[in-house]
Amino acid sequence: MSRPKLLKLPEVLEEIDMSRAAFYRMRARGNAPKLIKLPNGQIRCRRDDLDDWLTNCQEAA
């Protein structure tokens, strides 16, 4: 079984075309894709979580 693809936050921001500040405002409201904090403090997003979030955004539009 392969490991899930983990995206760095700048990769996520580039894909959804959003600033870091706007992303964190959205995250504070509970409307952002799920993030993972690694033991070294870095933030990652699973590719599958981002894809699911994007699909939900499309369905809500």
N, C-alpha and C. Protein backbone atom coordinates (compact mmCIF):
# COMPACT_ATOMS: atom_id res chain seq x y z
N MET A 1 0.84 -1.18 0.00
CA MET A 1 0.00 0.00 0.00
C MET A 1 0.89 1.25 0.00
N SER A 2 0.59 2.16 -0.89
CA SER A 2 1.42 3.36 -0.99
C SER A 2 1.00 4.41 0.01
N ARG A 3 1.96 5.24 0.38
CA ARG A 3 1.68 6.34 1.31
C ARG A 3 0.88 7.42 0.59
N PRO A 4 0.00 8.11 1.32
CA PRO A 4 -0.74 9.20 0.68
C PRO A 4 0.19 10.36 0.34
N LYS A 5 -0.09 11.03 -0.75
CA LYS A 5 0.69 12.19 -1.16
C LYS A 5 0.40 13.33 -0.20
N LEU A 6 1.46 13.89 0.39
CA LEU A 6 1.32 15.02 1.30
C LEU A 6 1.79 16.28 0.60
N LEU A 7 0.94 17.29 0.57
CA LEU A 7 1.25 18.56 -0.07
C LEU A 7 1.69 19.58 0.96
N LYS A 8 2.69 20.37 0.62
CA LYS A 8 3.10 21.48 1.48
C LYS A 8 2.07 22.59 1.32
N LEU A 9 1.95 23.42 2.35
CA LEU A 9 0.95 24.49 2.32
C LEU A 9 1.11 25.40 1.10
N PRO A 10 2.34 25.81 0.72
CA PRO A 10 2.45 26.64 -0.49
C PRO A 10 1.89 25.95 -1.75
N GLU A 11 2.03 24.62 -1.82
CA GLU A 11 1.46 23.88 -2.96
C GLU A 11 -0.05 23.94 -2.94
N VAL A 12 -0.64 23.81 -1.75
CA VAL A 12 -2.10 23.89 -1.62
C VAL A 12 -2.57 25.28 -2.01
N LEU A 13 -1.89 26.30 -1.48
CA LEU A 13 -2.29 27.68 -1.76
C LEU A 13 -2.20 27.99 -3.24
N GLU A 14 -1.17 27.48 -3.90
CA GLU A 14 -1.03 27.71 -5.34
C GLU A 14 -2.16 27.02 -6.11
N GLU A 15 -2.48 25.80 -5.71
CA GLU A 15 -3.53 25.05 -6.42
C GLU A 15 -4.90 25.70 -6.28
N ILE A 16 -5.21 26.21 -5.09
CA ILE A 16 -6.52 26.83 -4.90
C ILE A 16 -6.49 28.34 -5.15
N ASP A 17 -5.33 28.86 -5.52
CA ASP A 17 -5.16 30.28 -5.86
C ASP A 17 -5.66 31.18 -4.74
N MET A 18 -5.05 31.02 -3.56
CA MET A 18 -5.48 31.76 -2.39
C MET A 18 -4.26 32.20 -1.59
N SER A 19 -4.37 33.36 -0.96
CA SER A 19 -3.27 33.82 -0.12
C SER A 19 -3.26 33.03 1.19
N ARG A 20 -2.12 33.04 1.84
CA ARG A 20 -1.99 32.36 3.13
C ARG A 20 -2.96 32.96 4.16
N ALA A 21 -3.07 34.29 4.18
CA ALA A 21 -3.95 34.95 5.15
C ALA A 21 -5.41 34.57 4.91
N ALA A 22 -5.83 34.56 3.65
CA ALA A 22 -7.22 34.18 3.33
C ALA A 22 -7.47 32.72 3.71
N PHE A 23 -6.48 31.87 3.46
CA PHE A 23 -6.61 30.46 3.79
C PHE A 23 -6.80 30.28 5.30
N TYR A 24 -5.99 30.97 6.09
CA TYR A 24 -6.10 30.82 7.55
C TYR A 24 -7.40 31.42 8.08
N ARG A 25 -7.92 32.47 7.45
CA ARG A 25 -9.24 32.98 7.85
C ARG A 25 -10.32 31.93 7.58
N MET A 26 -10.23 31.31 6.41
CA MET A 26 -11.18 30.26 6.05
C MET A 26 -11.04 29.07 6.99
N ARG A 27 -9.81 28.74 7.34
CA ARG A 27 -9.56 27.62 8.26
C ARG A 27 -10.14 27.92 9.65
N ALA A 28 -10.03 29.16 10.10
CA ALA A 28 -10.57 29.54 11.41
C ALA A 28 -12.09 29.39 11.44
N ARG A 29 -12.73 29.56 10.29
CA ARG A 29 -14.19 29.38 10.19
C ARG A 29 -14.57 27.92 10.00
N GLY A 30 -13.57 27.03 9.87
CA GLY A 30 -13.83 25.60 9.69
C GLY A 30 -14.17 25.23 8.26
N ASN A 31 -13.76 26.06 7.29
CA ASN A 31 -14.12 25.82 5.90
C ASN A 31 -12.94 25.45 5.01
N ALA A 32 -11.85 25.02 5.58
CA ALA A 32 -10.65 24.69 4.81
C ALA A 32 -10.43 23.18 4.79
N PRO A 33 -9.62 22.71 3.85
CA PRO A 33 -9.29 21.27 3.87
C PRO A 33 -8.53 20.91 5.14
N LYS A 34 -8.64 19.66 5.51
CA LYS A 34 -7.97 19.17 6.71
C LYS A 34 -6.45 19.24 6.55
N LEU A 35 -5.78 19.72 7.57
CA LEU A 35 -4.32 19.81 7.57
C LEU A 35 -3.74 18.88 8.63
N ILE A 36 -2.51 18.50 8.42
CA ILE A 36 -1.77 17.63 9.35
C ILE A 36 -0.55 18.40 9.82
N LYS A 37 -0.31 18.41 11.12
CA LYS A 37 0.91 19.01 11.65
C LYS A 37 1.89 17.88 11.95
N LEU A 38 3.03 17.93 11.28
CA LEU A 38 4.05 16.91 11.46
C LEU A 38 4.81 17.14 12.77
N PRO A 39 5.50 16.13 13.27
CA PRO A 39 6.25 16.29 14.52
C PRO A 39 7.26 17.43 14.48
N ASN A 40 7.76 17.78 13.30
CA ASN A 40 8.73 18.87 13.20
C ASN A 40 8.04 20.24 13.09
N GLY A 41 6.71 20.26 13.19
CA GLY A 41 5.96 21.51 13.17
C GLY A 41 5.47 21.94 11.80
N GLN A 42 5.93 21.26 10.76
CA GLN A 42 5.49 21.61 9.41
C GLN A 42 4.05 21.17 9.17
N ILE A 43 3.37 21.90 8.29
CA ILE A 43 1.97 21.63 7.96
C ILE A 43 1.90 20.94 6.61
N ARG A 44 1.05 19.92 6.51
CA ARG A 44 0.83 19.21 5.25
C ARG A 44 -0.67 18.98 5.06
N CYS A 45 -1.04 18.76 3.81
CA CYS A 45 -2.42 18.40 3.47
C CYS A 45 -2.36 17.15 2.60
N ARG A 46 -3.15 16.15 2.95
CA ARG A 46 -3.20 14.95 2.12
C ARG A 46 -3.86 15.30 0.79
N ARG A 47 -3.32 14.77 -0.29
CA ARG A 47 -3.88 14.99 -1.63
C ARG A 47 -5.37 14.62 -1.65
N ASP A 48 -5.71 13.49 -1.04
CA ASP A 48 -7.10 13.04 -1.02
C ASP A 48 -8.00 14.01 -0.27
N ASP A 49 -7.51 14.58 0.84
CA ASP A 49 -8.32 15.54 1.60
C ASP A 49 -8.57 16.81 0.79
N LEU A 50 -7.55 17.26 0.06
CA LEU A 50 -7.73 18.45 -0.77
C LEU A 50 -8.70 18.16 -1.91
N ASP A 51 -8.57 17.00 -2.54
CA ASP A 51 -9.49 16.65 -3.63
C ASP A 51 -10.93 16.54 -3.12
N ASP A 52 -11.13 15.94 -1.95
CA ASP A 52 -12.47 15.83 -1.37
C ASP A 52 -13.04 17.22 -1.06
N TRP A 53 -12.20 18.09 -0.51
CA TRP A 53 -12.64 19.44 -0.18
C TRP A 53 -13.05 20.19 -1.44
N LEU A 54 -12.24 20.07 -2.51
CA LEU A 54 -12.56 20.73 -3.78
C LEU A 54 -13.88 20.20 -4.35
N THR A 55 -14.10 18.90 -4.26
CA THR A 55 -15.35 18.31 -4.74
C THR A 55 -16.53 18.86 -3.97
N ASN A 56 -16.39 18.96 -2.64
CA ASN A 56 -17.47 19.51 -1.82
C ASN A 56 -17.74 20.97 -2.16
N CYS A 57 -16.69 21.72 -2.49
CA CYS A 57 -16.88 23.12 -2.89
C CYS A 57 -17.66 23.21 -4.19
N GLN A 58 -17.37 22.32 -5.12
CA GLN A 58 -18.07 22.30 -6.41
C GLN A 58 -19.55 21.96 -6.21
N GLU A 59 -19.80 20.98 -5.34
CA GLU A 59 -21.18 20.57 -5.10
C GLU A 59 -21.99 21.66 -4.42
N ALA A 60 -21.33 22.45 -3.59
CA ALA A 60 -22.03 23.52 -2.85
C ALA A 60 -22.28 24.75 -3.74
N ALA A 61 -21.54 24.86 -4.83
CA ALA A 61 -21.66 26.05 -5.68
C ALA A 61 -22.93 26.04 -6.52
